[in-house]
Full PDB file with SEQRES, HELIX, SHEET, SSBOND, CRYST1, ORIGX, SCALE, CONECT and MASTER records, all heavy atoms in Angstrom:
SEQRES   1 A   35  LEU MET GLY ASP SER ILE GLY GLU SER ALA PHE PRO SER          
SEQRES   2 A   35  LYS ILE LYS ALA GLU MET TYR ARG ALA ASN GLU ILE GLU          
SEQRES   3 A   35  ASN TYR ASP THR PHE MET ALA LYS ILE                          
SHEET    1 AA1 2 LYS A  16  TYR A  20  0                                        
SHEET    2 AA1 2 THR A  30  LYS A  34 -1                                        
CRYST1    1.000    1.000    1.000  90.00  90.00  90.00 P 1           1          
ORIGX1      1.000000  0.000000  0.000000        0.00000                         
ORIGX2      0.000000  1.000000  0.000000        0.00000                         
ORIGX3      0.000000  0.000000  1.000000        0.00000                         
SCALE1      1.000000  0.000000  0.000000        0.00000                         
SCALE2      0.000000  1.000000  0.000000        0.00000                         
SCALE3      0.000000  0.000000  1.000000        0.00000                         
ATOM      1  N   LEU A   1     -57.113 -62.158  19.645  1.00  0.00           N  
ATOM      2  CA  LEU A   1     -56.829 -63.595  19.533  1.00  0.00           C  
ATOM      3  C   LEU A   1     -56.736 -64.280  20.893  1.00  0.00           C  
ATOM      4  O   LEU A   1     -56.978 -65.482  20.997  1.00  0.00           O  
ATOM      5  CB  LEU A   1     -55.536 -63.815  18.749  1.00  0.00           C  
ATOM      6  CG  LEU A   1     -55.653 -63.781  17.228  1.00  0.00           C  
ATOM      7  CD1 LEU A   1     -54.284 -63.911  16.589  1.00  0.00           C  
ATOM      8  CD2 LEU A   1     -56.578 -64.883  16.715  1.00  0.00           C  
ATOM      9  N   MET A   2     -56.419 -63.520  21.925  1.00  0.00           N  
ATOM     10  CA  MET A   2     -56.310 -64.104  23.255  1.00  0.00           C  
ATOM     11  C   MET A   2     -57.616 -64.038  24.048  1.00  0.00           C  
ATOM     12  O   MET A   2     -57.662 -64.426  25.219  1.00  0.00           O  
ATOM     13  CB  MET A   2     -55.198 -63.407  24.047  1.00  0.00           C  
ATOM     14  CG  MET A   2     -53.796 -63.568  23.454  1.00  0.00           C  
ATOM     15  SD  MET A   2     -53.187 -65.295  23.413  1.00  0.00           S  
ATOM     16  CE  MET A   2     -53.611 -65.811  21.745  1.00  0.00           C  
ATOM     17  N   GLY A   3     -58.695 -63.582  23.419  1.00  0.00           N  
ATOM     18  CA  GLY A   3     -59.979 -63.496  24.093  1.00  0.00           C  
ATOM     19  C   GLY A   3     -60.584 -64.859  24.389  1.00  0.00           C  
ATOM     20  O   GLY A   3     -60.254 -65.862  23.754  1.00  0.00           O  
ATOM     21  N   ASP A   4     -61.510 -64.895  25.333  1.00  0.00           N  
ATOM     22  CA  ASP A   4     -62.076 -66.159  25.812  1.00  0.00           C  
ATOM     23  C   ASP A   4     -63.240 -66.674  24.977  1.00  0.00           C  
ATOM     24  O   ASP A   4     -63.780 -67.739  25.249  1.00  0.00           O  
ATOM     25  CB  ASP A   4     -62.524 -66.011  27.270  1.00  0.00           C  
ATOM     26  CG  ASP A   4     -61.339 -65.868  28.219  1.00  0.00           C  
ATOM     27  OD1 ASP A   4     -60.250 -66.374  27.887  1.00  0.00           O  
ATOM     28  OD2 ASP A   4     -61.507 -65.248  29.289  1.00  0.00           O  
ATOM     29  N   SER A   5     -63.670 -65.908  23.973  1.00  0.00           N  
ATOM     30  CA  SER A   5     -64.670 -66.387  23.019  1.00  0.00           C  
ATOM     31  C   SER A   5     -64.442 -65.669  21.698  1.00  0.00           C  
ATOM     32  O   SER A   5     -63.652 -64.716  21.632  1.00  0.00           O  
ATOM     33  CB  SER A   5     -66.094 -66.131  23.529  1.00  0.00           C  
ATOM     34  OG  SER A   5     -66.414 -64.747  23.461  1.00  0.00           O  
ATOM     35  N   ILE A   6     -65.110 -66.096  20.634  1.00  0.00           N  
ATOM     36  CA  ILE A   6     -64.875 -65.541  19.304  1.00  0.00           C  
ATOM     37  C   ILE A   6     -65.053 -64.025  19.281  1.00  0.00           C  
ATOM     38  O   ILE A   6     -64.280 -63.300  18.675  1.00  0.00           O  
ATOM     39  CB  ILE A   6     -65.798 -66.205  18.262  1.00  0.00           C  
ATOM     40  CG1 ILE A   6     -65.282 -67.601  17.915  1.00  0.00           C  
ATOM     41  CG2 ILE A   6     -65.905 -65.374  16.992  1.00  0.00           C  
ATOM     42  CD1 ILE A   6     -63.977 -67.608  17.127  1.00  0.00           C  
ATOM     43  N   GLY A   7     -66.058 -63.512  19.958  1.00  0.00           N  
ATOM     44  CA  GLY A   7     -66.338 -62.084  19.923  1.00  0.00           C  
ATOM     45  C   GLY A   7     -65.781 -61.292  21.083  1.00  0.00           C  
ATOM     46  O   GLY A   7     -66.147 -60.131  21.272  1.00  0.00           O  
ATOM     47  N   GLU A   8     -64.872 -61.891  21.847  1.00  0.00           N  
ATOM     48  CA  GLU A   8     -64.303 -61.210  23.013  1.00  0.00           C  
ATOM     49  C   GLU A   8     -62.799 -61.008  22.853  1.00  0.00           C  
ATOM     50  O   GLU A   8     -62.138 -61.759  22.137  1.00  0.00           O  
ATOM     51  CB  GLU A   8     -64.530 -62.034  24.287  1.00  0.00           C  
ATOM     52  CG  GLU A   8     -65.949 -62.049  24.792  1.00  0.00           C  
ATOM     53  CD  GLU A   8     -66.040 -62.802  26.118  1.00  0.00           C  
ATOM     54  OE1 GLU A   8     -65.809 -64.028  26.119  1.00  0.00           O  
ATOM     55  OE2 GLU A   8     -66.321 -62.151  27.134  1.00  0.00           O  
ATOM     56  N   SER A   9     -62.292 -60.019  23.553  1.00  0.00           N  
ATOM     57  CA  SER A   9     -60.848 -59.798  23.643  1.00  0.00           C  
ATOM     58  C   SER A   9     -60.387 -60.003  25.077  1.00  0.00           C  
ATOM     59  O   SER A   9     -61.173 -59.832  26.019  1.00  0.00           O  
ATOM     60  CB  SER A   9     -60.497 -58.365  23.227  1.00  0.00           C  
ATOM     61  OG  SER A   9     -60.721 -58.157  21.858  1.00  0.00           O  
ATOM     62  N   ALA A  10     -59.122 -60.353  25.229  1.00  0.00           N  
ATOM     63  CA  ALA A  10     -58.492 -60.251  26.541  1.00  0.00           C  
ATOM     64  C   ALA A  10     -58.266 -58.768  26.823  1.00  0.00           C  
ATOM     65  O   ALA A  10     -58.276 -57.940  25.911  1.00  0.00           O  
ATOM     66  CB  ALA A  10     -57.166 -60.999  26.551  1.00  0.00           C  
ATOM     67  N   PHE A  11     -58.048 -58.412  28.085  1.00  0.00           N  
ATOM     68  CA  PHE A  11     -57.844 -57.018  28.456  1.00  0.00           C  
ATOM     69  C   PHE A  11     -56.544 -56.868  29.235  1.00  0.00           C  
ATOM     70  O   PHE A  11     -56.094 -57.808  29.892  1.00  0.00           O  
ATOM     71  CB  PHE A  11     -59.026 -56.507  29.278  1.00  0.00           C  
ATOM     72  CG  PHE A  11     -60.186 -56.080  28.434  1.00  0.00           C  
ATOM     73  CD1 PHE A  11     -61.021 -57.031  27.853  1.00  0.00           C  
ATOM     74  CD2 PHE A  11     -60.428 -54.742  28.181  1.00  0.00           C  
ATOM     75  CE1 PHE A  11     -62.079 -56.647  27.033  1.00  0.00           C  
ATOM     76  CE2 PHE A  11     -61.479 -54.337  27.374  1.00  0.00           C  
ATOM     77  CZ  PHE A  11     -62.309 -55.288  26.802  1.00  0.00           C  
ATOM     78  N   PRO A  12     -55.930 -55.694  29.167  1.00  0.00           N  
ATOM     79  CA  PRO A  12     -54.692 -55.497  29.917  1.00  0.00           C  
ATOM     80  C   PRO A  12     -54.946 -55.434  31.418  1.00  0.00           C  
ATOM     81  O   PRO A  12     -55.912 -54.791  31.856  1.00  0.00           O  
ATOM     82  CB  PRO A  12     -54.186 -54.142  29.396  1.00  0.00           C  
ATOM     83  CG  PRO A  12     -55.422 -53.420  28.965  1.00  0.00           C  
ATOM     84  CD  PRO A  12     -56.334 -54.488  28.433  1.00  0.00           C  
ATOM     85  N   SER A  13     -54.119 -56.097  32.194  1.00  0.00           N  
ATOM     86  CA  SER A  13     -54.189 -55.983  33.658  1.00  0.00           C  
ATOM     87  C   SER A  13     -52.951 -55.278  34.206  1.00  0.00           C  
ATOM     88  O   SER A  13     -53.026 -54.587  35.220  1.00  0.00           O  
ATOM     89  CB  SER A  13     -54.340 -57.356  34.310  1.00  0.00           C  
ATOM     90  OG  SER A  13     -53.206 -58.165  34.068  1.00  0.00           O  
ATOM     91  N   LYS A  14     -51.816 -55.440  33.518  1.00  0.00           N  
ATOM     92  CA  LYS A  14     -50.586 -54.737  33.888  1.00  0.00           C  
ATOM     93  C   LYS A  14     -49.879 -54.304  32.608  1.00  0.00           C  
ATOM     94  O   LYS A  14     -49.855 -55.052  31.621  1.00  0.00           O  
ATOM     95  CB  LYS A  14     -49.662 -55.633  34.720  1.00  0.00           C  
ATOM     96  CG  LYS A  14     -50.221 -56.034  36.078  1.00  0.00           C  
ATOM     97  CD  LYS A  14     -49.241 -56.885  36.856  1.00  0.00           C  
ATOM     98  CE  LYS A  14     -49.833 -57.369  38.184  1.00  0.00           C  
ATOM     99  NZ  LYS A  14     -50.159 -56.235  39.082  1.00  0.00           N  
ATOM    100  N   ILE A  15     -49.293 -53.109  32.631  1.00  0.00           N  
ATOM    101  CA  ILE A  15     -48.580 -52.579  31.467  1.00  0.00           C  
ATOM    102  C   ILE A  15     -47.270 -51.941  31.921  1.00  0.00           C  
ATOM    103  O   ILE A  15     -47.232 -51.202  32.904  1.00  0.00           O  
ATOM    104  CB  ILE A  15     -49.410 -51.511  30.720  1.00  0.00           C  
ATOM    105  CG1 ILE A  15     -50.768 -52.065  30.275  1.00  0.00           C  
ATOM    106  CG2 ILE A  15     -48.635 -50.978  29.514  1.00  0.00           C  
ATOM    107  CD1 ILE A  15     -51.680 -51.009  29.656  1.00  0.00           C  
ATOM    108  N   LYS A  16     -46.220 -52.223  31.165  1.00  0.00           N  
ATOM    109  CA  LYS A  16     -44.934 -51.521  31.321  1.00  0.00           C  
ATOM    110  C   LYS A  16     -44.555 -51.058  29.920  1.00  0.00           C  
ATOM    111  O   LYS A  16     -44.269 -51.883  29.053  1.00  0.00           O  
ATOM    112  CB  LYS A  16     -43.870 -52.442  31.911  1.00  0.00           C  
ATOM    113  CG  LYS A  16     -42.508 -51.766  32.133  1.00  0.00           C  
ATOM    114  CD  LYS A  16     -41.533 -52.756  32.758  1.00  0.00           C  
ATOM    115  CE  LYS A  16     -40.116 -52.199  32.852  1.00  0.00           C  
ATOM    116  NZ  LYS A  16     -40.008 -51.030  33.738  1.00  0.00           N  
ATOM    117  N   ALA A  17     -44.596 -49.755  29.680  1.00  0.00           N  
ATOM    118  CA  ALA A  17     -44.442 -49.252  28.320  1.00  0.00           C  
ATOM    119  C   ALA A  17     -43.389 -48.158  28.225  1.00  0.00           C  
ATOM    120  O   ALA A  17     -43.027 -47.512  29.221  1.00  0.00           O  
ATOM    121  CB  ALA A  17     -45.782 -48.732  27.809  1.00  0.00           C  
ATOM    122  N   GLU A  18     -42.920 -47.958  26.995  1.00  0.00           N  
ATOM    123  CA  GLU A  18     -41.989 -46.883  26.676  1.00  0.00           C  
ATOM    124  C   GLU A  18     -42.497 -46.184  25.421  1.00  0.00           C  
ATOM    125  O   GLU A  18     -42.851 -46.836  24.441  1.00  0.00           O  
ATOM    126  CB  GLU A  18     -40.576 -47.448  26.444  1.00  0.00           C  
ATOM    127  CG  GLU A  18     -40.027 -48.185  27.648  1.00  0.00           C  
ATOM    128  CD  GLU A  18     -38.691 -48.872  27.399  1.00  0.00           C  
ATOM    129  OE1 GLU A  18     -38.018 -48.526  26.391  1.00  0.00           O  
ATOM    130  OE2 GLU A  18     -38.315 -49.757  28.195  1.00  0.00           O  
ATOM    131  N   MET A  19     -42.554 -44.833  25.465  1.00  0.00           N  
ATOM    132  CA  MET A  19     -43.063 -44.043  24.354  1.00  0.00           C  
ATOM    133  C   MET A  19     -42.012 -43.020  23.956  1.00  0.00           C  
ATOM    134  O   MET A  19     -41.506 -42.277  24.803  1.00  0.00           O  
ATOM    135  CB  MET A  19     -44.359 -43.336  24.767  1.00  0.00           C  
ATOM    136  CG  MET A  19     -45.466 -44.306  25.179  1.00  0.00           C  
ATOM    137  SD  MET A  19     -46.366 -43.730  26.637  1.00  0.00           S  
ATOM    138  CE  MET A  19     -47.143 -42.258  25.999  1.00  0.00           C  
ATOM    139  N   TYR A  20     -41.682 -42.986  22.657  1.00  0.00           N  
ATOM    140  CA  TYR A  20     -40.617 -42.114  22.174  1.00  0.00           C  
ATOM    141  C   TYR A  20     -41.099 -41.287  20.975  1.00  0.00           C  
ATOM    142  O   TYR A  20     -42.017 -41.671  20.256  1.00  0.00           O  
ATOM    143  CB  TYR A  20     -39.403 -42.944  21.758  1.00  0.00           C  
ATOM    144  CG  TYR A  20     -38.819 -43.789  22.866  1.00  0.00           C  
ATOM    145  CD1 TYR A  20     -39.178 -45.124  23.010  1.00  0.00           C  
ATOM    146  CD2 TYR A  20     -37.911 -43.247  23.773  1.00  0.00           C  
ATOM    147  CE1 TYR A  20     -38.645 -45.900  24.032  1.00  0.00           C  
ATOM    148  CE2 TYR A  20     -37.362 -44.017  24.788  1.00  0.00           C  
ATOM    149  CZ  TYR A  20     -37.748 -45.350  24.916  1.00  0.00           C  
ATOM    150  OH  TYR A  20     -37.219 -46.118  25.932  1.00  0.00           O  
ATOM    151  N   ARG A  21     -40.399 -40.167  20.756  1.00  0.00           N  
ATOM    152  CA  ARG A  21     -40.748 -39.279  19.646  1.00  0.00           C  
ATOM    153  C   ARG A  21     -39.469 -38.854  18.924  1.00  0.00           C  
ATOM    154  O   ARG A  21     -38.535 -38.321  19.531  1.00  0.00           O  
ATOM    155  CB  ARG A  21     -41.477 -38.051  20.195  1.00  0.00           C  
ATOM    156  CG  ARG A  21     -41.821 -36.991  19.151  1.00  0.00           C  
ATOM    157  CD  ARG A  21     -42.662 -35.885  19.747  1.00  0.00           C  
ATOM    158  NE  ARG A  21     -42.058 -35.366  20.963  1.00  0.00           N  
ATOM    159  CZ  ARG A  21     -42.734 -35.063  22.080  1.00  0.00           C  
ATOM    160  NH1 ARG A  21     -44.039 -35.253  22.148  1.00  0.00           N  
ATOM    161  NH2 ARG A  21     -42.106 -34.579  23.137  1.00  0.00           N  
ATOM    162  N   ALA A  22     -39.455 -39.085  17.607  1.00  0.00           N  
ATOM    163  CA  ALA A  22     -38.358 -38.612  16.761  1.00  0.00           C  
ATOM    164  C   ALA A  22     -38.814 -37.456  15.881  1.00  0.00           C  
ATOM    165  O   ALA A  22     -38.070 -36.506  15.652  1.00  0.00           O  
ATOM    166  CB  ALA A  22     -37.840 -39.751  15.891  1.00  0.00           C  
ATOM    167  N   ASN A  23     -40.057 -37.547  15.391  1.00  0.00           N  
ATOM    168  CA  ASN A  23     -40.602 -36.521  14.510  1.00  0.00           C  
ATOM    169  C   ASN A  23     -41.101 -35.312  15.298  1.00  0.00           C  
ATOM    170  O   ASN A  23     -41.308 -35.381  16.510  1.00  0.00           O  
ATOM    171  CB  ASN A  23     -41.750 -37.108  13.684  1.00  0.00           C  
ATOM    172  CG  ASN A  23     -41.258 -38.041  12.601  1.00  0.00           C  
ATOM    173  OD1 ASN A  23     -40.952 -37.609  11.497  1.00  0.00           O  
ATOM    174  ND2 ASN A  23     -41.164 -39.327  12.926  1.00  0.00           N  
ATOM    175  N   GLU A  24     -41.289 -34.212  14.598  1.00  0.00           N  
ATOM    176  CA  GLU A  24     -41.751 -32.980  15.228  1.00  0.00           C  
ATOM    177  C   GLU A  24     -43.278 -32.995  15.332  1.00  0.00           C  
ATOM    178  O   GLU A  24     -43.993 -32.317  14.580  1.00  0.00           O  
ATOM    179  CB  GLU A  24     -41.244 -31.771  14.441  1.00  0.00           C  
ATOM    180  CG  GLU A  24     -39.726 -31.650  14.481  1.00  0.00           C  
ATOM    181  CD  GLU A  24     -39.204 -30.522  13.615  1.00  0.00           C  
ATOM    182  OE1 GLU A  24     -40.022 -29.770  13.050  1.00  0.00           O  
ATOM    183  OE2 GLU A  24     -37.975 -30.395  13.492  1.00  0.00           O  
ATOM    184  N   ILE A  25     -43.767 -33.794  16.258  1.00  0.00           N  
ATOM    185  CA  ILE A  25     -45.200 -33.981  16.472  1.00  0.00           C  
ATOM    186  C   ILE A  25     -45.483 -33.885  17.974  1.00  0.00           C  
ATOM    187  O   ILE A  25     -44.567 -33.865  18.786  1.00  0.00           O  
ATOM    188  CB  ILE A  25     -45.690 -35.349  15.932  1.00  0.00           C  
ATOM    189  CG1 ILE A  25     -44.887 -36.501  16.559  1.00  0.00           C  
ATOM    190  CG2 ILE A  25     -45.592 -35.380  14.407  1.00  0.00           C  
ATOM    191  CD1 ILE A  25     -45.362 -37.883  16.179  1.00  0.00           C  
ATOM    192  N   GLU A  26     -46.761 -33.842  18.326  1.00  0.00           N  
ATOM    193  CA  GLU A  26     -47.120 -33.776  19.749  1.00  0.00           C  
ATOM    194  C   GLU A  26     -46.993 -35.136  20.421  1.00  0.00           C  
ATOM    195  O   GLU A  26     -46.508 -35.243  21.541  1.00  0.00           O  
ATOM    196  CB  GLU A  26     -48.563 -33.280  19.896  1.00  0.00           C  
ATOM    197  CG  GLU A  26     -48.750 -31.809  19.668  1.00  0.00           C  
ATOM    198  CD  GLU A  26     -50.171 -31.359  19.918  1.00  0.00           C  
ATOM    199  OE1 GLU A  26     -51.020 -32.186  20.323  1.00  0.00           O  
ATOM    200  OE2 GLU A  26     -50.438 -30.173  19.708  1.00  0.00           O  
ATOM    201  N   ASN A  27     -47.472 -36.172  19.742  1.00  0.00           N  
ATOM    202  CA  ASN A  27     -47.542 -37.486  20.369  1.00  0.00           C  
ATOM    203  C   ASN A  27     -46.330 -38.328  19.975  1.00  0.00           C  
ATOM    204  O   ASN A  27     -45.386 -37.834  19.369  1.00  0.00           O  
ATOM    205  CB  ASN A  27     -48.863 -38.173  20.002  1.00  0.00           C  
ATOM    206  CG  ASN A  27     -49.464 -38.946  21.152  1.00  0.00           C  
ATOM    207  OD1 ASN A  27     -48.947 -38.950  22.262  1.00  0.00           O  
ATOM    208  ND2 ASN A  27     -50.575 -39.612  20.913  1.00  0.00           N  
ATOM    209  N   TYR A  28     -46.336 -39.590  20.286  1.00  0.00           N  
ATOM    210  CA  TYR A  28     -45.185 -40.453  20.060  1.00  0.00           C  
ATOM    211  C   TYR A  28     -45.278 -41.182  18.719  1.00  0.00           C  
ATOM    212  O   TYR A  28     -46.360 -41.472  18.217  1.00  0.00           O  
ATOM    213  CB  TYR A  28     -45.042 -41.461  21.204  1.00  0.00           C  
ATOM    214  CG  TYR A  28     -46.300 -42.238  21.534  1.00  0.00           C  
ATOM    215  CD1 TYR A  28     -46.562 -43.459  20.921  1.00  0.00           C  
ATOM    216  CD2 TYR A  28     -47.232 -41.754  22.447  1.00  0.00           C  
ATOM    217  CE1 TYR A  28     -47.717 -44.173  21.214  1.00  0.00           C  
ATOM    218  CE2 TYR A  28     -48.380 -42.456  22.751  1.00  0.00           C  
ATOM    219  CZ  TYR A  28     -48.625 -43.662  22.128  1.00  0.00           C  
ATOM    220  OH  TYR A  28     -49.770 -44.367  22.410  1.00  0.00           O  
ATOM    221  N   ASP A  29     -44.121 -41.483  18.134  1.00  0.00           N  
ATOM    222  CA  ASP A  29     -44.066 -42.244  16.883  1.00  0.00           C  
ATOM    223  C   ASP A  29     -43.416 -43.611  17.072  1.00  0.00           C  
ATOM    224  O   ASP A  29     -43.250 -44.364  16.118  1.00  0.00           O  
ATOM    225  CB  ASP A  29     -43.340 -41.456  15.788  1.00  0.00           C  
ATOM    226  CG  ASP A  29     -41.971 -40.929  16.224  1.00  0.00           C  
ATOM    227  OD1 ASP A  29     -41.285 -41.625  16.996  1.00  0.00           O  
ATOM    228  OD2 ASP A  29     -41.602 -39.818  15.803  1.00  0.00           O  
ATOM    229  N   THR A  30     -43.049 -43.921  18.319  1.00  0.00           N  
ATOM    230  CA  THR A  30     -42.407 -45.202  18.648  1.00  0.00           C  
ATOM    231  C   THR A  30     -42.981 -45.689  19.968  1.00  0.00           C  
ATOM    232  O   THR A  30     -43.033 -44.926  20.937  1.00  0.00           O  
ATOM    233  CB  THR A  30     -40.883 -45.024  18.749  1.00  0.00           C  
ATOM    234  OG1 THR A  30     -40.390 -44.534  17.490  1.00  0.00           O  
ATOM    235  CG2 THR A  30     -40.188 -46.324  19.099  1.00  0.00           C  
ATOM    236  N   PHE A  31     -43.405 -46.950  19.992  1.00  0.00           N  
ATOM    237  CA  PHE A  31     -44.111 -47.474  21.166  1.00  0.00           C  
ATOM    238  C   PHE A  31     -43.673 -48.908  21.427  1.00  0.00           C  
ATOM    239  O   PHE A  31     -43.669 -49.745  20.524  1.00  0.00           O  
ATOM    240  CB  PHE A  31     -45.617 -47.431  20.917  1.00  0.00           C  
ATOM    241  CG  PHE A  31     -46.463 -47.964  22.040  1.00  0.00           C  
ATOM    242  CD1 PHE A  31     -46.710 -47.199  23.175  1.00  0.00           C  
ATOM    243  CD2 PHE A  31     -47.032 -49.232  21.968  1.00  0.00           C  
ATOM    244  CE1 PHE A  31     -47.497 -47.685  24.212  1.00  0.00           C  
ATOM    245  CE2 PHE A  31     -47.823 -49.729  22.999  1.00  0.00           C  
ATOM    246  CZ  PHE A  31     -48.047 -48.943  24.119  1.00  0.00           C  
ATOM    247  N   MET A  32     -43.308 -49.181  22.680  1.00  0.00           N  
ATOM    248  CA  MET A  32     -42.953 -50.537  23.094  1.00  0.00           C  
ATOM    249  C   MET A  32     -43.660 -50.836  24.404  1.00  0.00           C  
ATOM    250  O   MET A  32     -43.696 -49.988  25.298  1.00  0.00           O  
ATOM    251  CB  MET A  32     -41.445 -50.679  23.320  1.00  0.00           C  
ATOM    252  CG  MET A  32     -40.608 -50.483  22.066  1.00  0.00           C  
ATOM    253  SD  MET A  32     -40.098 -48.787  21.861  1.00  0.00           S  
ATOM    254  CE  MET A  32     -38.700 -48.996  20.782  1.00  0.00           C  
ATOM    255  N   ALA A  33     -44.207 -52.037  24.535  1.00  0.00           N  
ATOM    256  CA  ALA A  33     -44.931 -52.354  25.761  1.00  0.00           C  
ATOM    257  C   ALA A  33     -44.896 -53.845  26.068  1.00  0.00           C  
ATOM    258  O   ALA A  33     -45.000 -54.683  25.168  1.00  0.00           O  
ATOM    259  CB  ALA A  33     -46.385 -51.896  25.653  1.00  0.00           C  
ATOM    260  N   LYS A  34     -44.749 -54.134  27.349  1.00  0.00           N  
ATOM    261  CA  LYS A  34     -45.004 -55.467  27.885  1.00  0.00           C  
ATOM    262  C   LYS A  34     -46.335 -55.403  28.621  1.00  0.00           C  
ATOM    263  O   LYS A  34     -46.542 -54.518  29.460  1.00  0.00           O  
ATOM    264  CB  LYS A  34     -43.893 -55.893  28.849  1.00  0.00           C  
ATOM    265  CG  LYS A  34     -42.635 -56.381  28.164  1.00  0.00           C  
ATOM    266  CD  LYS A  34     -41.648 -56.931  29.196  1.00  0.00           C  
ATOM    267  CE  LYS A  34     -40.492 -57.638  28.518  1.00  0.00           C  
ATOM    268  NZ  LYS A  34     -39.541 -58.195  29.524  1.00  0.00           N  
ATOM    269  N   ILE A  35     -47.221 -56.321  28.305  1.00  0.00           N  
ATOM    270  CA  ILE A  35     -48.571 -56.301  28.861  1.00  0.00           C  
ATOM    271  C   ILE A  35     -48.917 -57.676  29.402  1.00  0.00           C  
ATOM    272  O   ILE A  35     -48.672 -58.694  28.735  1.00  0.00           O  
ATOM    273  CB  ILE A  35     -49.598 -55.900  27.777  1.00  0.00           C  
ATOM    274  CG1 ILE A  35     -49.245 -54.525  27.180  1.00  0.00           C  
ATOM    275  CG2 ILE A  35     -51.020 -55.900  28.338  1.00  0.00           C  
ATOM    276  CD1 ILE A  35     -49.988 -54.195  25.898  1.00  0.00           C  
TER     277      ILE A  35                                                      
MASTER        0    0    0    0    2    0    0    6  276    1    0    3          
END                                                                             
């Protein structure tokens, strides 16, 4: 929705994120990010 034309997207230039895991899995099940 933030892209500069109908068929385009904006892209991340800076990210500050937090990734957490509660379940018994390899990857994360909770994700928070400022972009």
